[in-house]
PDB file of N, CA and C in Angstrom:
ATOM      1  N   MET A   1       0.850  -1.170   0.000  1.00  0.00           N
ATOM      2  CA  MET A   1       0.000   0.000   0.000  1.00  0.00           C
ATOM      3  C   MET A   1       0.894   1.231   0.000  1.00  0.00           C
ATOM      4  N   PHE A   2       0.508   2.222  -0.770  1.00  0.00           N
ATOM      5  CA  PHE A   2       1.323   3.425  -0.895  1.00  0.00           C
ATOM      6  C   PHE A   2       0.999   4.433   0.200  1.00  0.00           C
ATOM      7  N   SER A   3      -0.265   4.490   0.618  1.00  0.00           N
ATOM      8  CA  SER A   3      -0.684   5.426   1.655  1.00  0.00           C
ATOM      9  C   SER A   3      -2.084   5.047   2.103  1.00  0.00           C
ATOM     10  N   SER A   4      -2.419   5.437   3.343  1.00  0.00           N
ATOM     11  CA  SER A   4      -3.777   5.188   3.814  1.00  0.00           C
ATOM     12  C   SER A   4      -4.740   6.228   3.253  1.00  0.00           C
ATOM     13  N   ASP A   5      -4.193   7.354   2.793  1.00  0.00           N
ATOM     14  CA  ASP A   5      -5.001   8.382   2.135  1.00  0.00           C
ATOM     15  C   ASP A   5      -5.199   7.959   0.676  1.00  0.00           C
ATOM     16  N   ILE A   6      -6.436   7.752   0.258  1.00  0.00           N
ATOM     17  CA  ILE A   6      -6.738   7.203  -1.069  1.00  0.00           C
ATOM     18  C   ILE A   6      -6.195   8.085  -2.185  1.00  0.00           C
ATOM     19  N   GLU A   7      -6.373   9.397  -2.100  1.00  0.00           N
ATOM     20  CA  GLU A   7      -5.880  10.288  -3.167  1.00  0.00           C
ATOM     21  C   GLU A   7      -4.360  10.227  -3.268  1.00  0.00           C
ATOM     22  N   ARG A   8      -3.709  10.283  -2.131  1.00  0.00           N
ATOM     23  CA  ARG A   8      -2.245  10.226  -2.132  1.00  0.00           C
ATOM     24  C   ARG A   8      -1.758   8.872  -2.645  1.00  0.00           C
ATOM     25  N   ALA A   9      -2.424   7.805  -2.221  1.00  0.00           N
ATOM     26  CA  ALA A   9      -2.049   6.464  -2.658  1.00  0.00           C
ATOM     27  C   ALA A   9      -2.192   6.343  -4.164  1.00  0.00           C
ATOM     28  N   LEU A  10      -3.281   6.880  -4.703  1.00  0.00           N
ATOM     29  CA  LEU A  10      -3.506   6.836  -6.146  1.00  0.00           C
ATOM     30  C   LEU A  10      -2.419   7.589  -6.895  1.00  0.00           C
ATOM     31  N   LYS A  11      -2.080   8.792  -6.420  1.00  0.00           N
ATOM     32  CA  LYS A  11      -1.024   9.588  -7.058  1.00  0.00           C
ATOM     33  C   LYS A  11       0.321   8.846  -7.005  1.00  0.00           C
ATOM     34  N   GLU A  12       0.638   8.256  -5.853  1.00  0.00           N
ATOM     35  CA  GLU A  12       1.898   7.535  -5.721  1.00  0.00           C
ATOM     36  C   GLU A  12       1.914   6.286  -6.606  1.00  0.00           C
ATOM     37  N   PHE A  13       0.771   5.625  -6.705  1.00  0.00           N
ATOM     38  CA  PHE A  13       0.695   4.447  -7.560  1.00  0.00           C
ATOM     39  C   PHE A  13       0.908   4.835  -9.022  1.00  0.00           C
ATOM     40  N   ILE A  14       0.247   5.909  -9.456  1.00  0.00           N
ATOM     41  CA  ILE A  14       0.409   6.383 -10.838  1.00  0.00           C
ATOM     42  C   ILE A  14       1.861   6.756 -11.094  1.00  0.00           C
ATOM     43  N   HIS A  15       2.460   7.452 -10.159  1.00  0.00           N
ATOM     44  CA  HIS A  15       3.867   7.848 -10.310  1.00  0.00           C
ATOM     45  C   HIS A  15       4.754   6.604 -10.383  1.00  0.00           C
ATOM     46  N   TYR A  16       4.503   5.659  -9.489  1.00  0.00           N
ATOM     47  CA  TYR A  16       5.293   4.432  -9.470  1.00  0.00           C
ATOM     48  C   TYR A  16       5.126   3.645 -10.766  1.00  0.00           C
ATOM     49  N   SER A  17       3.886   3.564 -11.255  1.00  0.00           N
ATOM     50  CA  SER A  17       3.598   2.793 -12.463  1.00  0.00           C
ATOM     51  C   SER A  17       4.195   3.427 -13.704  1.00  0.00           C
ATOM     52  N   SER A  18       4.337   4.725 -13.693  1.00  0.00           N
ATOM     53  CA  SER A  18       4.837   5.401 -14.889  1.00  0.00           C
ATOM     54  C   SER A  18       6.359   5.478 -14.938  1.00  0.00           C
ATOM     55  N   LYS A  19       7.021   5.094 -13.852  1.00  0.00           N
ATOM     56  CA  LYS A  19       8.480   5.103 -13.839  1.00  0.00           C
ATOM     57  C   LYS A  19       9.004   4.124 -14.869  1.00  0.00           C
ATOM     58  N   TYR A  20      10.038   4.515 -15.537  1.00  0.00           N
ATOM     59  CA  TYR A  20      10.683   3.610 -16.479  1.00  0.00           C
ATOM     60  C   TYR A  20      12.076   3.341 -15.949  1.00  0.00           C
ATOM     61  N   GLU A  21      12.319   2.113 -15.688  1.00  0.00           N
ATOM     62  CA  GLU A  21      13.641   1.734 -15.228  1.00  0.00           C
ATOM     63  C   GLU A  21      14.258   0.822 -16.262  1.00  0.00           C
ATOM     64  N   GLU A  22      15.422   1.203 -16.674  1.00  0.00           N
ATOM     65  CA  GLU A  22      16.096   0.358 -17.646  1.00  0.00           C
ATOM     66  C   GLU A  22      16.969  -0.619 -16.888  1.00  0.00           C
ATOM     67  N   LYS A  23      16.492  -1.805 -16.856  1.00  0.00           N
ATOM     68  CA  LYS A  23      17.251  -2.861 -16.194  1.00  0.00           C
ATOM     69  C   LYS A  23      17.529  -3.945 -17.216  1.00  0.00           C
ATOM     70  N   ASN A  24      18.554  -4.638 -16.982  1.00  0.00           N
ATOM     71  CA  ASN A  24      18.875  -5.757 -17.869  1.00  0.00           C
ATOM     72  C   ASN A  24      18.153  -7.001 -17.384  1.00  0.00           C
ATOM     73  N   PHE A  25      17.444  -7.590 -18.286  1.00  0.00           N
ATOM     74  CA  PHE A  25      16.763  -8.832 -17.993  1.00  0.00           C
ATOM     75  C   PHE A  25      17.322  -9.906 -18.901  1.00  0.00           C
ATOM     76  N   LEU A  26      17.384 -11.068 -18.384  1.00  0.00           N
ATOM     77  CA  LEU A  26      17.850 -12.189 -19.160  1.00  0.00           C
ATOM     78  C   LEU A  26      16.748 -12.589 -20.127  1.00  0.00           C
ATOM     79  N   GLU A  27      17.022 -12.461 -21.393  1.00  0.00           N
ATOM     80  CA  GLU A  27      16.043 -12.852 -22.401  1.00  0.00           C
ATOM     81  C   GLU A  27      16.207 -14.338 -22.654  1.00  0.00           C
ATOM     82  N   MET A  28      15.143 -15.047 -22.455  1.00  0.00           N
ATOM     83  CA  MET A  28      15.176 -16.479 -22.701  1.00  0.00           C
ATOM     84  C   MET A  28      14.159 -16.803 -23.768  1.00  0.00           C
ATOM     85  N   LYS A  29      14.626 -17.446 -24.777  1.00  0.00           N
ATOM     86  CA  LYS A  29      13.714 -17.909 -25.799  1.00  0.00           C
ATOM     87  C   LYS A  29      13.198 -19.263 -25.341  1.00  0.00           C
ATOM     88  N   GLU A  30      11.908 -19.291 -25.134  1.00  0.00           N
ATOM     89  CA  GLU A  30      11.320 -20.525 -24.659  1.00  0.00           C
ATOM     90  C   GLU A  30      11.141 -21.472 -25.831  1.00  0.00           C
ATOM     91  N   THR A  31      11.824 -22.548 -25.766  1.00  0.00           N
ATOM     92  CA  THR A  31      11.725 -23.551 -26.810  1.00  0.00           C
ATOM     93  C   THR A  31      11.060 -24.775 -26.214  1.00  0.00           C
ATOM     94  N   ILE A  32       9.884 -25.028 -26.691  1.00  0.00           N
ATOM     95  CA  ILE A  32       9.167 -26.193 -26.213  1.00  0.00           C
ATOM     96  C   ILE A  32       9.363 -27.295 -27.245  1.00  0.00           C
ATOM     97  N   LYS A  33      10.056 -28.288 -26.811  1.00  0.00           N
ATOM     98  CA  LYS A  33      10.277 -29.414 -27.716  1.00  0.00           C
ATOM     99  C   LYS A  33       9.150 -30.404 -27.497  1.00  0.00           C
ATOM    100  N   SER A  34       8.611 -30.846 -28.580  1.00  0.00           N
ATOM    101  CA  SER A  34       7.532 -31.812 -28.471  1.00  0.00           C
ATOM    102  C   SER A  34       7.944 -33.100 -29.157  1.00  0.00           C
ATOM    103  N   GLU A  35       7.369 -34.184 -28.666  1.00  0.00           N
ATOM    104  CA  GLU A  35       7.667 -35.495 -29.234  1.00  0.00           C
ATOM    105  C   GLU A  35       7.212 -35.577 -30.683  1.00  0.00           C
ATOM    106  N   ILE A  36       6.075 -34.977 -30.947  1.00  0.00           N
ATOM    107  CA  ILE A  36       5.459 -35.062 -32.270  1.00  0.00           C
ATOM    108  C   ILE A  36       5.508 -33.687 -32.912  1.00  0.00           C
ATOM    109  N   ASN A  37       6.031 -33.631 -34.124  1.00  0.00           N
ATOM    110  CA  ASN A  37       6.105 -32.352 -34.830  1.00  0.00           C
ATOM    111  C   ASN A  37       5.650 -32.534 -36.276  1.00  0.00           C
ATOM    112  N   GLU A  38       5.723 -31.471 -37.029  1.00  0.00           N
ATOM    113  CA  GLU A  38       5.267 -31.496 -38.426  1.00  0.00           C
ATOM    114  C   GLU A  38       5.958 -32.584 -39.254  1.00  0.00           C
ATOM    115  N   GLN A  39       7.220 -32.850 -38.928  1.00  0.00           N
ATOM    116  CA  GLN A  39       7.987 -33.808 -39.717  1.00  0.00           C
ATOM    117  C   GLN A  39       7.627 -35.264 -39.408  1.00  0.00           C
ATOM    118  N   ASN A  40       7.290 -35.564 -38.162  1.00  0.00           N
ATOM    119  CA  ASN A  40       7.069 -36.969 -37.823  1.00  0.00           C
ATOM    120  C   ASN A  40       5.619 -37.310 -37.464  1.00  0.00           C
ATOM    121  N   VAL A  41       4.712 -36.381 -37.612  1.00  0.00           N
ATOM    122  CA  VAL A  41       3.331 -36.629 -37.200  1.00  0.00           C
ATOM    123  C   VAL A  41       2.664 -37.736 -38.018  1.00  0.00           C
ATOM    124  N   ASN A  42       2.878 -37.744 -39.315  1.00  0.00           N
ATOM    125  CA  ASN A  42       2.268 -38.796 -40.135  1.00  0.00           C
ATOM    126  C   ASN A  42       2.801 -40.170 -39.764  1.00  0.00           C
ATOM    127  N   GLU A  43       4.086 -40.245 -39.489  1.00  0.00           N
ATOM    128  CA  GLU A  43       4.688 -41.511 -39.058  1.00  0.00           C
ATOM    129  C   GLU A  43       4.067 -41.950 -37.722  1.00  0.00           C
ATOM    130  N   TYR A  44       3.887 -41.008 -36.812  1.00  0.00           N
ATOM    131  CA  TYR A  44       3.289 -41.320 -35.516  1.00  0.00           C
ATOM    132  C   TYR A  44       1.862 -41.853 -35.689  1.00  0.00           C
ATOM    133  N   ILE A  45       1.070 -41.159 -36.501  1.00  0.00           N
ATOM    134  CA  ILE A  45      -0.320 -41.568 -36.742  1.00  0.00           C
ATOM    135  C   ILE A  45      -0.358 -42.957 -37.371  1.00  0.00           C
ATOM    136  N   ASN A  46       0.480 -43.180 -38.371  1.00  0.00           N
ATOM    137  CA  ASN A  46       0.502 -44.486 -39.047  1.00  0.00           C
ATOM    138  C   ASN A  46       0.890 -45.618 -38.100  1.00  0.00           C
ATOM    139  N   LYS A  47       1.873 -45.367 -37.219  1.00  0.00           N
ATOM    140  CA  LYS A  47       2.268 -46.388 -36.242  1.00  0.00           C
ATOM    141  C   LYS A  47       1.120 -46.669 -35.270  1.00  0.00           C
ATOM    142  N   TYR A  48       0.459 -45.612 -34.840  1.00  0.00           N
ATOM    143  CA  TYR A  48      -0.670 -45.768 -33.923  1.00  0.00           C
ATOM    144  C   TYR A  48      -1.759 -46.628 -34.563  1.00  0.00           C
ATOM    145  N   LEU A  49      -2.106 -46.289 -35.780  1.00  0.00           N
ATOM    146  CA  LEU A  49      -3.164 -47.020 -36.475  1.00  0.00           C
ATOM    147  C   LEU A  49      -2.756 -48.468 -36.743  1.00  0.00           C
ATOM    148  N   LYS A  50      -1.520 -48.661 -37.178  1.00  0.00           N
ATOM    149  CA  LYS A  50      -1.041 -50.007 -37.497  1.00  0.00           C
ATOM    150  C   LYS A  50      -1.038 -50.896 -36.253  1.00  0.00           C
ATOM    151  N   SER A  51      -0.648 -50.329 -35.113  1.00  0.00           N
ATOM    152  CA  SER A  51      -0.593 -51.122 -33.883  1.00  0.00           C
ATOM    153  C   SER A  51      -1.979 -51.563 -33.422  1.00  0.00           C
ATOM    154  N   ARG A  52      -3.004 -50.916 -33.941  1.00  0.00           N
ATOM    155  CA  ARG A  52      -4.388 -51.261 -33.584  1.00  0.00           C
ATOM    156  C   ARG A  52      -5.173 -51.847 -34.761  1.00  0.00           C
ATOM    157  N   ASN A  53      -4.442 -52.166 -35.818  1.00  0.00           N
ATOM    158  CA  ASN A  53      -5.037 -52.710 -37.042  1.00  0.00           C
ATOM    159  C   ASN A  53      -6.180 -51.837 -37.564  1.00  0.00           C
ATOM    160  N   LEU A  54      -5.921 -50.537 -37.629  1.00  0.00           N
ATOM    161  CA  LEU A  54      -6.923 -49.580 -38.093  1.00  0.00           C
ATOM    162  C   LEU A  54      -6.414 -48.821 -39.308  1.00  0.00           C
ATOM    163  N   LYS A  55      -7.355 -48.224 -40.029  1.00  0.00           N
ATOM    164  CA  LYS A  55      -7.054 -47.291 -41.114  1.00  0.00           C
ATOM    165  C   LYS A  55      -7.661 -45.953 -40.719  1.00  0.00           C
ATOM    166  N   LYS A  56      -7.211 -44.878 -41.352  1.00  0.00           N
ATOM    167  CA  LYS A  56      -7.748 -43.555 -41.024  1.00  0.00           C
ATOM    168  C   LYS A  56      -9.268 -43.514 -41.132  1.00  0.00           C
ATOM    169  N   GLU A  57      -9.792 -44.191 -42.131  1.00  0.00           N
ATOM    170  CA  GLU A  57     -11.242 -44.189 -42.338  1.00  0.00           C
ATOM    171  C   GLU A  57     -11.975 -44.799 -41.144  1.00  0.00           C
ATOM    172  N   ASP A  58     -11.319 -45.754 -40.468  1.00  0.00           N
ATOM    173  CA  ASP A  58     -11.936 -46.417 -39.319  1.00  0.00           C
ATOM    174  C   ASP A  58     -12.197 -45.454 -38.160  1.00  0.00           C
ATOM    175  N   LEU A  59     -11.419 -44.387 -38.094  1.00  0.00           N
ATOM    176  CA  LEU A  59     -11.584 -43.434 -36.997  1.00  0.00           C
ATOM    177  C   LEU A  59     -12.944 -42.725 -37.049  1.00  0.00           C
ATOM    178  N   LYS A  60     -13.569 -42.731 -38.198  1.00  0.00           N
ATOM    179  CA  LYS A  60     -14.878 -42.091 -38.346  1.00  0.00           C
ATOM    180  C   LYS A  60     -16.014 -43.013 -37.894  1.00  0.00           C
ATOM    181  N   ARG A  61     -15.693 -44.270 -37.678  1.00  0.00           N
ATOM    182  CA  ARG A  61     -16.721 -45.241 -37.305  1.00  0.00           C
ATOM    183  C   ARG A  61     -16.928 -45.246 -35.794  1.00  0.00           C
ATOM    184  N   ARG A  62     -18.166 -45.389 -35.404  1.00  0.00           N
ATOM    185  CA  ARG A  62     -18.550 -45.331 -33.998  1.00  0.00           C
ATOM    186  C   ARG A  62     -17.826 -46.362 -33.134  1.00  0.00           C
ATOM    187  N   GLU A  63     -17.621 -47.544 -33.660  1.00  0.00           N
ATOM    188  CA  GLU A  63     -17.000 -48.592 -32.850  1.00  0.00           C
ATOM    189  C   GLU A  63     -15.521 -48.326 -32.541  1.00  0.00           C
ATOM    190  N   HIS A  64     -14.946 -47.346 -33.234  1.00  0.00           N
ATOM    191  CA  HIS A  64     -13.539 -46.994 -32.975  1.00  0.00           C
ATOM    192  C   HIS A  64     -13.412 -45.614 -32.321  1.00  0.00           C
ATOM    193  N   ALA A  65     -14.472 -45.176 -31.679  1.00  0.00           N
ATOM    194  CA  ALA A  65     -14.484 -43.845 -31.050  1.00  0.00           C
ATOM    195  C   ALA A  65     -13.407 -43.713 -29.977  1.00  0.00           C
ATOM    196  N   LYS A  66     -13.224 -44.736 -29.183  1.00  0.00           N
ATOM    197  CA  LYS A  66     -12.230 -44.673 -28.103  1.00  0.00           C
ATOM    198  C   LYS A  66     -10.819 -44.529 -28.667  1.00  0.00           C
ATOM    199  N   GLN A  67     -10.494 -45.293 -29.719  1.00  0.00           N
ATOM    200  CA  GLN A  67      -9.164 -45.188 -30.328  1.00  0.00           C
ATOM    201  C   GLN A  67      -8.949 -43.796 -30.923  1.00  0.00           C
ATOM    202  N   LYS A  68     -10.011 -43.244 -31.514  1.00  0.00           N
ATOM    203  CA  LYS A  68      -9.930 -41.890 -32.077  1.00  0.00           C
ATOM    204  C   LYS A  68      -9.658 -40.880 -30.967  1.00  0.00           C
ATOM    205  N   GLU A  69     -10.377 -41.010 -29.857  1.00  0.00           N
ATOM    206  CA  GLU A  69     -10.195 -40.085 -28.738  1.00  0.00           C
ATOM    207  C   GLU A  69      -8.784 -40.161 -28.173  1.00  0.00           C
ATOM    208  N   VAL A  70      -8.286 -41.376 -28.021  1.00  0.00           N
ATOM    209  CA  VAL A  70      -6.923 -41.555 -27.485  1.00  0.00           C
ATOM    210  C   VAL A  70      -5.896 -40.914 -28.422  1.00  0.00           C
ATOM    211  N   LEU A  71      -6.051 -41.128 -29.718  1.00  0.00           N
ATOM    212  CA  LEU A  71      -5.126 -40.544 -30.689  1.00  0.00           C
ATOM    213  C   LEU A  71      -5.173 -39.012 -30.622  1.00  0.00           C
ATOM    214  N   ILE A  72      -6.358 -38.459 -30.580  1.00  0.00           N
ATOM    215  CA  ILE A  72      -6.500 -36.994 -30.500  1.00  0.00           C
ATOM    216  C   ILE A  72      -5.858 -36.470 -29.221  1.00  0.00           C
ATOM    217  N   GLN A  73      -6.102 -37.131 -28.109  1.00  0.00           N
ATOM    218  CA  GLN A  73      -5.512 -36.698 -26.841  1.00  0.00           C
ATOM    219  C   GLN A  73      -3.993 -36.757 -26.885  1.00  0.00           C
ATOM    220  N   GLN A  74      -3.457 -37.806 -27.471  1.00  0.00           N
ATOM    221  CA  GLN A  74      -2.004 -37.926 -27.563  1.00  0.00           C
ATOM    222  C   GLN A  74      -1.418 -36.837 -28.456  1.00  0.00           C
ATOM    223  N   LEU A  75      -2.055 -36.606 -29.596  1.00  0.00           N
ATOM    224  CA  LEU A  75      -1.561 -35.561 -30.499  1.00  0.00           C
ATOM    225  C   LEU A  75      -1.669 -34.181 -29.862  1.00  0.00           C
ATOM    226  N   THR A  76      -2.729 -33.952 -29.123  1.00  0.00           N
ATOM    227  CA  THR A  76      -2.916 -32.658 -28.468  1.00  0.00           C
ATOM    228  C   THR A  76      -1.867 -32.429 -27.391  1.00  0.00           C
ATOM    229  N   LYS A  77      -1.592 -33.460 -26.590  1.00  0.00           N
ATOM    230  CA  LYS A  77      -0.655 -33.320 -25.471  1.00  0.00           C
ATOM    231  C   LYS A  77       0.806 -33.382 -25.895  1.00  0.00           C
ATOM    232  N   ARG A  78       1.113 -34.183 -26.897  1.00  0.00           N
ATOM    233  CA  ARG A  78       2.515 -34.427 -27.253  1.00  0.00           C
ATOM    234  C   ARG A  78       3.022 -33.593 -28.414  1.00  0.00           C
ATOM    235  N   SER A  79       2.177 -32.725 -28.939  1.00  0.00           N
ATOM    236  CA  SER A  79       2.623 -31.914 -30.073  1.00  0.00           C
ATOM    237  C   SER A  79       2.212 -30.462 -29.879  1.00  0.00           C
ATOM    238  N   ASN A  80       2.771 -29.620 -30.704  1.00  0.00           N
ATOM    239  CA  ASN A  80       2.379 -28.217 -30.738  1.00  0.00           C
ATOM    240  C   ASN A  80       1.484 -27.946 -31.943  1.00  0.00           C
ATOM    241  N   LEU A  81       0.904 -28.996 -32.481  1.00  0.00           N
ATOM    242  CA  LEU A  81       0.056 -28.854 -33.659  1.00  0.00           C
ATOM    243  C   LEU A  81      -1.271 -28.213 -33.272  1.00  0.00           C
ATOM    244  N   SER A  82      -1.810 -27.428 -34.177  1.00  0.00           N
ATOM    245  CA  SER A  82      -3.100 -26.794 -33.923  1.00  0.00           C
ATOM    246  C   SER A  82      -4.212 -27.837 -33.994  1.00  0.00           C
ATOM    247  N   LYS A  83      -5.340 -27.499 -33.393  1.00  0.00           N
ATOM    248  CA  LYS A  83      -6.504 -28.396 -33.439  1.00  0.00           C
ATOM    249  C   LYS A  83      -6.932 -28.611 -34.888  1.00  0.00           C
ATOM    250  N   ARG A  84      -6.854 -27.560 -35.679  1.00  0.00           N
ATOM    251  CA  ARG A  84      -7.213 -27.650 -37.098  1.00  0.00           C
ATOM    252  C   ARG A  84      -6.307 -28.633 -37.832  1.00  0.00           C
ATOM    253  N   LYS A  85      -5.005 -28.542 -37.570  1.00  0.00           N
ATOM    254  CA  LYS A  85      -4.040 -29.425 -38.232  1.00  0.00           C
ATOM    255  C   LYS A  85      -4.286 -30.883 -37.832  1.00  0.00           C
ATOM    256  N   ILE A  86      -4.543 -31.105 -36.561  1.00  0.00           N
ATOM    257  CA  ILE A  86      -4.823 -32.461 -36.090  1.00  0.00           C
ATOM    258  C   ILE A  86      -6.067 -33.002 -36.785  1.00  0.00           C
ATOM    259  N   ALA A  87      -7.101 -32.184 -36.872  1.00  0.00           N
ATOM    260  CA  ALA A  87      -8.350 -32.605 -37.527  1.00  0.00           C
ATOM    261  C   ALA A  87      -8.104 -32.990 -38.979  1.00  0.00           C
ATOM    262  N   ILE A  88      -7.345 -32.190 -39.681  1.00  0.00           N
ATOM    263  CA  ILE A  88      -7.049 -32.472 -41.093  1.00  0.00           C
ATOM    264  C   ILE A  88      -6.262 -33.769 -41.223  1.00  0.00           C
ATOM    265  N   LEU A  89      -5.256 -33.936 -40.366  1.00  0.00           N
ATOM    266  CA  LEU A  89      -4.383 -35.111 -40.463  1.00  0.00           C
ATOM    267  C   LEU A  89      -5.105 -36.431 -40.212  1.00  0.00           C
ATOM    268  N   ILE A  90      -6.050 -36.429 -39.293  1.00  0.00           N
ATOM    269  CA  ILE A  90      -6.718 -37.705 -39.000  1.00  0.00           C
ATOM    270  C   ILE A  90      -8.110 -37.807 -39.611  1.00  0.00           C
ATOM    271  N   GLY A  91      -8.523 -36.758 -40.301  1.00  0.00           N
ATOM    272  CA  GLY A  91      -9.765 -36.829 -41.053  1.00  0.00           C
ATOM    273  C   GLY A  91     -11.032 -36.694 -40.230  1.00  0.00           C
ATOM    274  N   VAL A  92     -10.978 -35.876 -39.192  1.00  0.00           N
ATOM    275  CA  VAL A  92     -12.168 -35.603 -38.394  1.00  0.00           C
ATOM    276  C   VAL A  92     -12.402 -34.092 -38.361  1.00  0.00           C
ATOM    277  N   SER A  93     -13.516 -33.683 -37.785  1.00  0.00           N
ATOM    278  CA  SER A  93     -13.808 -32.244 -37.728  1.00  0.00           C
ATOM    279  C   SER A  93     -13.021 -31.567 -36.609  1.00  0.00           C
ATOM    280  N   ARG A  94     -12.862 -30.258 -36.760  1.00  0.00           N
ATOM    281  CA  ARG A  94     -12.198 -29.491 -35.705  1.00  0.00           C
ATOM    282  C   ARG A  94     -13.010 -29.562 -34.418  1.00  0.00           C
ATOM    283  N   GLU A  95     -14.319 -29.589 -34.561  1.00  0.00           N
ATOM    284  CA  GLU A  95     -15.202 -29.674 -33.400  1.00  0.00           C
ATOM    285  C   GLU A  95     -14.940 -30.960 -32.616  1.00  0.00           C
ATOM    286  N   THR A  96     -14.712 -32.049 -33.311  1.00  0.00           N
ATOM    287  CA  THR A  96     -14.396 -33.320 -32.649  1.00  0.00           C
ATOM    288  C   THR A  96     -13.096 -33.185 -31.863  1.00  0.00           C
ATOM    289  N   VAL A  97     -12.088 -32.603 -32.474  1.00  0.00           N
ATOM    290  CA  VAL A  97     -10.797 -32.421 -31.803  1.00  0.00           C
ATOM    291  C   VAL A  97     -10.973 -31.499 -30.602  1.00  0.00           C
ATOM    292  N   ARG A  98     -11.739 -30.444 -30.763  1.00  0.00           N
ATOM    293  CA  ARG A  98     -11.966 -29.499 -29.663  1.00  0.00           C
ATOM    294  C   ARG A  98     -12.640 -30.196 -28.482  1.00  0.00           C
ATOM    295  N   LYS A  99     -13.676 -30.961 -28.756  1.00  0.00           N
ATOM    296  CA  LYS A  99     -14.405 -31.654 -27.688  1.00  0.00           C
ATOM    297  C   LYS A  99     -13.511 -32.668 -26.968  1.00  0.00           C
ATOM    298  N   VAL A 100     -12.794 -33.469 -27.731  1.00  0.00           N
ATOM    299  CA  VAL A 100     -11.955 -34.510 -27.143  1.00  0.00           C
ATOM    300  C   VAL A 100     -10.828 -33.897 -26.328  1.00  0.00           C
ATOM    301  N   SER A 101     -10.282 -32.781 -26.782  1.00  0.00           N
ATOM    302  CA  SER A 101      -9.161 -32.148 -26.076  1.00  0.00           C
ATOM    303  C   SER A 101      -9.622 -31.374 -24.852  1.00  0.00           C
ATOM    304  N   GLY A 102     -10.928 -31.239 -24.684  1.00  0.00           N
ATOM    305  CA  GLY A 102     -11.450 -30.560 -23.485  1.00  0.00           C
ATOM    306  C   GLY A 102     -11.472 -29.058 -23.589  1.00  0.00           C
ATOM    307  N   GLU A 103     -11.284 -28.526 -24.770  1.00  0.00           N
ATOM    308  CA  GLU A 103     -11.298 -27.080 -24.962  1.00  0.00           C
ATOM    309  C   GLU A 103     -12.737 -26.573 -24.908  1.00  0.00           C
ATOM    310  N   PRO A 104     -12.985 -25.458 -24.235  1.00  0.00           N
ATOM    311  CA  PRO A 104     -14.363 -24.951 -24.152  1.00  0.00           C
ATOM    312  C   PRO A 104     -14.887 -24.458 -25.502  1.00  0.00           C
ATOM    313  N   SER A 105     -16.188 -24.421 -25.630  1.00  0.00           N
ATOM    314  CA  SER A 105     -16.826 -23.943 -26.857  1.00  0.00           C
ATOM    315  C   SER A 105     -16.524 -22.477 -27.085  1.00  0.00           C
ATOM    316  N   PRO A 106     -16.398 -22.075 -28.361  1.00  0.00           N
ATOM    317  CA  PRO A 106     -16.132 -20.651 -28.628  1.00  0.00           C
ATOM    318  C   PRO A 106     -17.356 -19.811 -28.351  1.00  0.00           C
TER     319      PRO A 106
END
């Protein structure tokens, strides 16, 4: 708190907020490495499908809903790919990817 007097506190806060201090900060470029990226995503999807004896078309079928959900969750968590890109790659709607990933409705 700057002061118990509201007007004085407000003035001091404004003054404090407007100060410019040139300090050196360590600039860190945040690099998030993900297991799955643009280069290996198709290979990952193909391995996933092959290990379950599935084809991409099978992901649209109701009886393979759980496998589709697991694949979407893995791609969402292990990659930096957009929901749109994931939807295109596995042949489902963006809405499906959004729902499975737990993202709220727009």
